[in-house]
Amino acid sequence: PIPVCARFEVTEHGRSACLASVDGSAFGAADDLRRGAPAGTHAMIGVLVNTNTLDEFKRADKNALMERAAVELRAELTRVSPTRLTRIIVLTHADLKSHEYYYWFGFPALAPAVPIVASEPAPLDDALAPLAVDALRAAYESAGARGAGAGA
């Protein structure tokens, strides 16, 4: 497998999916690629697995690739930046004689064993201790003050 750092951007259209891109800039050190990301895009680290034959491409165990990525995700949950939790797997085969290209993209993600169900909305004062509410308000006001000064 070859390390890649693809990019995705969230569209502003409610019905459109995210746009993912794996181009020539996807190869290199992931940290360097993340730093050079265009505004509004986010990095997806992962691997490119290139096969030599179409039969090898068709026989590739996609579930095993996804499971391996899930194991890596679980291992990194507590020790790395959340930006490393967005992953991609690209399985490819290029038939150079006929100019036909085959590819499969996998986007591994963690899913809870039991679905998370949102509770009914409640006022913060009912859900958090008074000190926690005060700390949250102070942090919110501080962030708002910093944001207002930047654009003014």
C-alpha atoms as a PDB file:
ATOM      1  CA  PRO A   1       0.000   0.000   0.000  1.00  0.00           C
ATOM      2  CA  ILE A   2       1.097   3.533  -0.814  1.00  0.00           C
ATOM      3  CA  PRO A   3       0.237   6.316   1.670  1.00  0.00           C
ATOM      4  CA  VAL A   4      -2.063   8.997   0.261  1.00  0.00           C
ATOM      5  CA  CYS A   5      -3.640  12.155   1.589  1.00  0.00           C
ATOM      6  CA  ALA A   6      -6.808  12.895  -0.346  1.00  0.00           C
ATOM      7  CA  ARG A   7      -9.040  15.905   0.172  1.00  0.00           C
ATOM      8  CA  PHE A   8     -12.736  16.462   0.593  1.00  0.00           C
ATOM      9  CA  GLU A   9     -14.887  19.518   0.836  1.00  0.00           C
ATOM     10  CA  VAL A  10     -18.338  19.882   2.258  1.00  0.00           C
ATOM     11  CA  THR A  11     -20.641  21.473  -0.262  1.00  0.00           C
ATOM     12  CA  GLU A  12     -22.990  24.264   0.678  1.00  0.00           C
ATOM     13  CA  HIS A  13     -25.864  22.566  -1.108  1.00  0.00           C
ATOM     14  CA  GLY A  14     -28.104  20.615   1.230  1.00  0.00           C
ATOM     15  CA  ARG A  15     -28.720  17.783  -1.222  1.00  0.00           C
ATOM     16  CA  SER A  16     -25.181  17.365  -2.520  1.00  0.00           C
ATOM     17  CA  ALA A  17     -22.685  14.948  -1.090  1.00  0.00           C
ATOM     18  CA  CYS A  18     -19.164  15.860  -0.070  1.00  0.00           C
ATOM     19  CA  LEU A  19     -16.716  16.070  -2.940  1.00  0.00           C
ATOM     20  CA  ALA A  20     -13.610  13.876  -2.581  1.00  0.00           C
ATOM     21  CA  SER A  21     -10.457  14.335  -4.611  1.00  0.00           C
ATOM     22  CA  VAL A  22      -7.420  12.107  -5.106  1.00  0.00           C
ATOM     23  CA  ASP A  23      -5.028  13.739  -7.532  1.00  0.00           C
ATOM     24  CA  GLY A  24      -1.290  13.954  -8.119  1.00  0.00           C
ATOM     25  CA  SER A  25      -0.860  16.039  -4.968  1.00  0.00           C
ATOM     26  CA  ALA A  26      -2.158  13.152  -2.825  1.00  0.00           C
ATOM     27  CA  PHE A  27       1.250  11.492  -2.678  1.00  0.00           C
ATOM     28  CA  GLY A  28       3.769  12.650  -0.132  1.00  0.00           C
ATOM     29  CA  ALA A  29       4.029  13.219   3.596  1.00  0.00           C
ATOM     30  CA  ALA A  30       0.536  13.497   5.078  1.00  0.00           C
ATOM     31  CA  ASP A  31       1.523  16.378   7.372  1.00  0.00           C
ATOM     32  CA  ASP A  32       2.889  18.381   4.432  1.00  0.00           C
ATOM     33  CA  LEU A  33      -0.237  17.712   2.396  1.00  0.00           C
ATOM     34  CA  ARG A  34      -2.518  18.749   5.247  1.00  0.00           C
ATOM     35  CA  ARG A  35      -0.661  22.033   5.642  1.00  0.00           C
ATOM     36  CA  GLY A  36      -1.009  22.817   1.933  1.00  0.00           C
ATOM     37  CA  ALA A  37      -4.744  22.128   1.807  1.00  0.00           C
ATOM     38  CA  PRO A  38      -6.793  24.773  -0.005  1.00  0.00           C
ATOM     39  CA  ALA A  39      -9.238  26.720   2.170  1.00  0.00           C
ATOM     40  CA  GLY A  40     -12.478  24.852   2.730  1.00  0.00           C
ATOM     41  CA  THR A  41     -10.974  21.407   2.168  1.00  0.00           C
ATOM     42  CA  HIS A  42     -10.147  18.729   4.689  1.00  0.00           C
ATOM     43  CA  ALA A  43      -7.580  15.931   4.569  1.00  0.00           C
ATOM     44  CA  MET A  44      -8.334  12.205   4.391  1.00  0.00           C
ATOM     45  CA  ILE A  45      -5.286  10.072   5.046  1.00  0.00           C
ATOM     46  CA  GLY A  46      -5.185   6.550   3.783  1.00  0.00           C
ATOM     47  CA  VAL A  47      -3.687   4.108   1.351  1.00  0.00           C
ATOM     48  CA  LEU A  48      -3.653   3.362  -2.344  1.00  0.00           C
ATOM     49  CA  VAL A  49      -3.540  -0.350  -3.143  1.00  0.00           C
ATOM     50  CA  ASN A  50      -2.661  -0.938  -6.796  1.00  0.00           C
ATOM     51  CA  THR A  51      -3.204  -4.379  -8.310  1.00  0.00           C
ATOM     52  CA  ASN A  52      -1.282  -5.907 -11.208  1.00  0.00           C
ATOM     53  CA  THR A  53      -4.173  -7.764 -12.818  1.00  0.00           C
ATOM     54  CA  LEU A  54      -7.900  -7.238 -13.190  1.00  0.00           C
ATOM     55  CA  ASP A  55      -8.477 -10.627 -11.581  1.00  0.00           C
ATOM     56  CA  GLU A  56      -6.422  -9.553  -8.541  1.00  0.00           C
ATOM     57  CA  PHE A  57      -8.500  -6.350  -8.373  1.00  0.00           C
ATOM     58  CA  LYS A  58     -11.757  -8.321  -8.462  1.00  0.00           C
ATOM     59  CA  ARG A  59     -10.534 -10.822  -5.832  1.00  0.00           C
ATOM     60  CA  ALA A  60      -9.243  -8.144  -3.454  1.00  0.00           C
ATOM     61  CA  ASP A  61     -10.730  -8.535   0.014  1.00  0.00           C
ATOM     62  CA  LYS A  62     -12.357  -5.135   0.446  1.00  0.00           C
ATOM     63  CA  ASN A  63     -13.786  -6.110   3.834  1.00  0.00           C
ATOM     64  CA  ALA A  64     -10.288  -6.915   5.104  1.00  0.00           C
ATOM     65  CA  LEU A  65      -9.025  -3.531   3.869  1.00  0.00           C
ATOM     66  CA  MET A  66     -11.869  -1.781   5.684  1.00  0.00           C
ATOM     67  CA  GLU A  67     -11.360  -3.834   8.848  1.00  0.00           C
ATOM     68  CA  ARG A  68      -7.631  -3.043   8.892  1.00  0.00           C
ATOM     69  CA  ALA A  69      -8.442   0.670   8.581  1.00  0.00           C
ATOM     70  CA  ALA A  70     -11.022   0.375  11.382  1.00  0.00           C
ATOM     71  CA  VAL A  71      -8.434  -1.226  13.670  1.00  0.00           C
ATOM     72  CA  GLU A  72      -6.060   1.676  12.960  1.00  0.00           C
ATOM     73  CA  LEU A  73      -8.841   4.181  13.637  1.00  0.00           C
ATOM     74  CA  ARG A  74      -9.670   2.592  16.983  1.00  0.00           C
ATOM     75  CA  ALA A  75      -5.999   2.601  17.968  1.00  0.00           C
ATOM     76  CA  GLU A  76      -5.659   6.303  17.155  1.00  0.00           C
ATOM     77  CA  LEU A  77      -8.862   7.506  18.812  1.00  0.00           C
ATOM     78  CA  THR A  78      -7.238   8.712  22.009  1.00  0.00           C
ATOM     79  CA  ARG A  79      -3.757   9.640  20.888  1.00  0.00           C
ATOM     80  CA  VAL A  80      -4.033  11.726  17.727  1.00  0.00           C
ATOM     81  CA  SER A  81      -5.763  14.722  16.259  1.00  0.00           C
ATOM     82  CA  PRO A  82      -9.356  14.209  15.084  1.00  0.00           C
ATOM     83  CA  THR A  83      -8.236  15.177  11.576  1.00  0.00           C
ATOM     84  CA  ARG A  84      -6.517  11.792  11.309  1.00  0.00           C
ATOM     85  CA  LEU A  85      -9.826  10.011  11.843  1.00  0.00           C
ATOM     86  CA  THR A  86     -11.094  10.757   8.337  1.00  0.00           C
ATOM     87  CA  ARG A  87      -9.738   7.916   6.201  1.00  0.00           C
ATOM     88  CA  ILE A  88      -9.756   6.715   2.615  1.00  0.00           C
ATOM     89  CA  ILE A  89      -8.813   3.474   0.870  1.00  0.00           C
ATOM     90  CA  VAL A  90      -8.277   3.478  -2.893  1.00  0.00           C
ATOM     91  CA  LEU A  91      -8.041   0.117  -4.671  1.00  0.00           C
ATOM     92  CA  THR A  92      -6.980   0.436  -8.312  1.00  0.00           C
ATOM     93  CA  HIS A  93      -6.063  -1.436 -11.462  1.00  0.00           C
ATOM     94  CA  ALA A  94      -4.931   0.164 -14.704  1.00  0.00           C
ATOM     95  CA  ASP A  95      -5.012  -1.890 -17.896  1.00  0.00           C
ATOM     96  CA  LEU A  96      -2.423   0.064 -19.854  1.00  0.00           C
ATOM     97  CA  LYS A  97      -2.949  -1.860 -23.093  1.00  0.00           C
ATOM     98  CA  SER A  98      -6.662  -1.097 -23.369  1.00  0.00           C
ATOM     99  CA  HIS A  99      -6.585   2.207 -21.422  1.00  0.00           C
ATOM    100  CA  GLU A 100      -9.194   0.949 -18.973  1.00  0.00           C
ATOM    101  CA  TYR A 101      -9.048   1.958 -15.336  1.00  0.00           C
ATOM    102  CA  TYR A 102     -10.785   0.307 -12.419  1.00  0.00           C
ATOM    103  CA  TYR A 103     -11.067   1.794  -8.965  1.00  0.00           C
ATOM    104  CA  TRP A 104     -12.882   1.305  -5.691  1.00  0.00           C
ATOM    105  CA  PHE A 105     -13.014   3.837  -2.878  1.00  0.00           C
ATOM    106  CA  GLY A 106     -13.578   2.912   0.733  1.00  0.00           C
ATOM    107  CA  PHE A 107     -14.331   5.429   3.462  1.00  0.00           C
ATOM    108  CA  PRO A 108     -13.934   3.583   6.769  1.00  0.00           C
ATOM    109  CA  ALA A 109     -15.752   5.043   9.725  1.00  0.00           C
ATOM    110  CA  LEU A 110     -16.440   3.909  13.238  1.00  0.00           C
ATOM    111  CA  ALA A 111     -20.001   3.048  14.148  1.00  0.00           C
ATOM    112  CA  PRO A 112     -21.230   2.504  17.693  1.00  0.00           C
ATOM    113  CA  ALA A 113     -22.429  -1.003  18.566  1.00  0.00           C
ATOM    114  CA  VAL A 114     -25.641   0.537  19.854  1.00  0.00           C
ATOM    115  CA  PRO A 115     -27.132   3.452  17.905  1.00  0.00           C
ATOM    116  CA  ILE A 116     -26.920   6.812  19.628  1.00  0.00           C
ATOM    117  CA  VAL A 117     -30.352   8.253  20.231  1.00  0.00           C
ATOM    118  CA  ALA A 118     -30.723  11.932  20.987  1.00  0.00           C
ATOM    119  CA  SER A 119     -32.620  12.831  24.120  1.00  0.00           C
ATOM    120  CA  GLU A 120     -35.230  15.529  24.339  1.00  0.00           C
ATOM    121  CA  PRO A 121     -33.802  19.062  24.364  1.00  0.00           C
ATOM    122  CA  ALA A 122     -33.282  20.508  27.824  1.00  0.00           C
ATOM    123  CA  PRO A 123     -32.067  23.872  29.118  1.00  0.00           C
ATOM    124  CA  LEU A 124     -28.347  23.936  29.913  1.00  0.00           C
ATOM    125  CA  ASP A 125     -29.129  24.828  33.495  1.00  0.00           C
ATOM    126  CA  ASP A 126     -30.998  21.525  33.828  1.00  0.00           C
ATOM    127  CA  ALA A 127     -28.378  19.436  32.021  1.00  0.00           C
ATOM    128  CA  LEU A 128     -25.141  20.834  33.518  1.00  0.00           C
ATOM    129  CA  ALA A 129     -23.895  21.876  36.922  1.00  0.00           C
ATOM    130  CA  PRO A 130     -23.892  25.666  37.526  1.00  0.00           C
ATOM    131  CA  LEU A 131     -20.064  25.860  37.356  1.00  0.00           C
ATOM    132  CA  ALA A 132     -20.049  24.028  34.027  1.00  0.00           C
ATOM    133  CA  VAL A 133     -22.683  26.414  32.604  1.00  0.00           C
ATOM    134  CA  ASP A 134     -20.634  29.436  33.763  1.00  0.00           C
ATOM    135  CA  ALA A 135     -17.447  27.996  32.198  1.00  0.00           C
ATOM    136  CA  LEU A 136     -19.262  27.294  28.928  1.00  0.00           C
ATOM    137  CA  ARG A 137     -20.710  30.830  28.802  1.00  0.00           C
ATOM    138  CA  ALA A 138     -17.299  32.372  29.523  1.00  0.00           C
ATOM    139  CA  ALA A 139     -15.639  30.303  26.791  1.00  0.00           C
ATOM    140  CA  TYR A 140     -18.404  31.171  24.324  1.00  0.00           C
ATOM    141  CA  GLU A 141     -18.176  34.881  25.080  1.00  0.00           C
ATOM    142  CA  SER A 142     -14.385  34.777  24.841  1.00  0.00           C
ATOM    143  CA  ALA A 143     -14.522  33.047  21.459  1.00  0.00           C
ATOM    144  CA  GLY A 144     -17.118  35.544  20.237  1.00  0.00           C
ATOM    145  CA  ALA A 145     -14.955  38.465  21.321  1.00  0.00           C
ATOM    146  CA  ARG A 146     -11.932  37.036  19.479  1.00  0.00           C
ATOM    147  CA  GLY A 147     -13.987  36.383  16.356  1.00  0.00           C
ATOM    148  CA  ALA A 148     -15.568  39.861  16.320  1.00  0.00           C
ATOM    149  CA  GLY A 149     -12.176  41.544  16.609  1.00  0.00           C
ATOM    150  CA  ALA A 150     -10.673  39.570  13.723  1.00  0.00           C
ATOM    151  CA  GLY A 151     -13.112  40.795  11.102  1.00  0.00           C
ATOM    152  CA  ALA A 152     -13.639  44.314  12.398  1.00  0.00           C
END
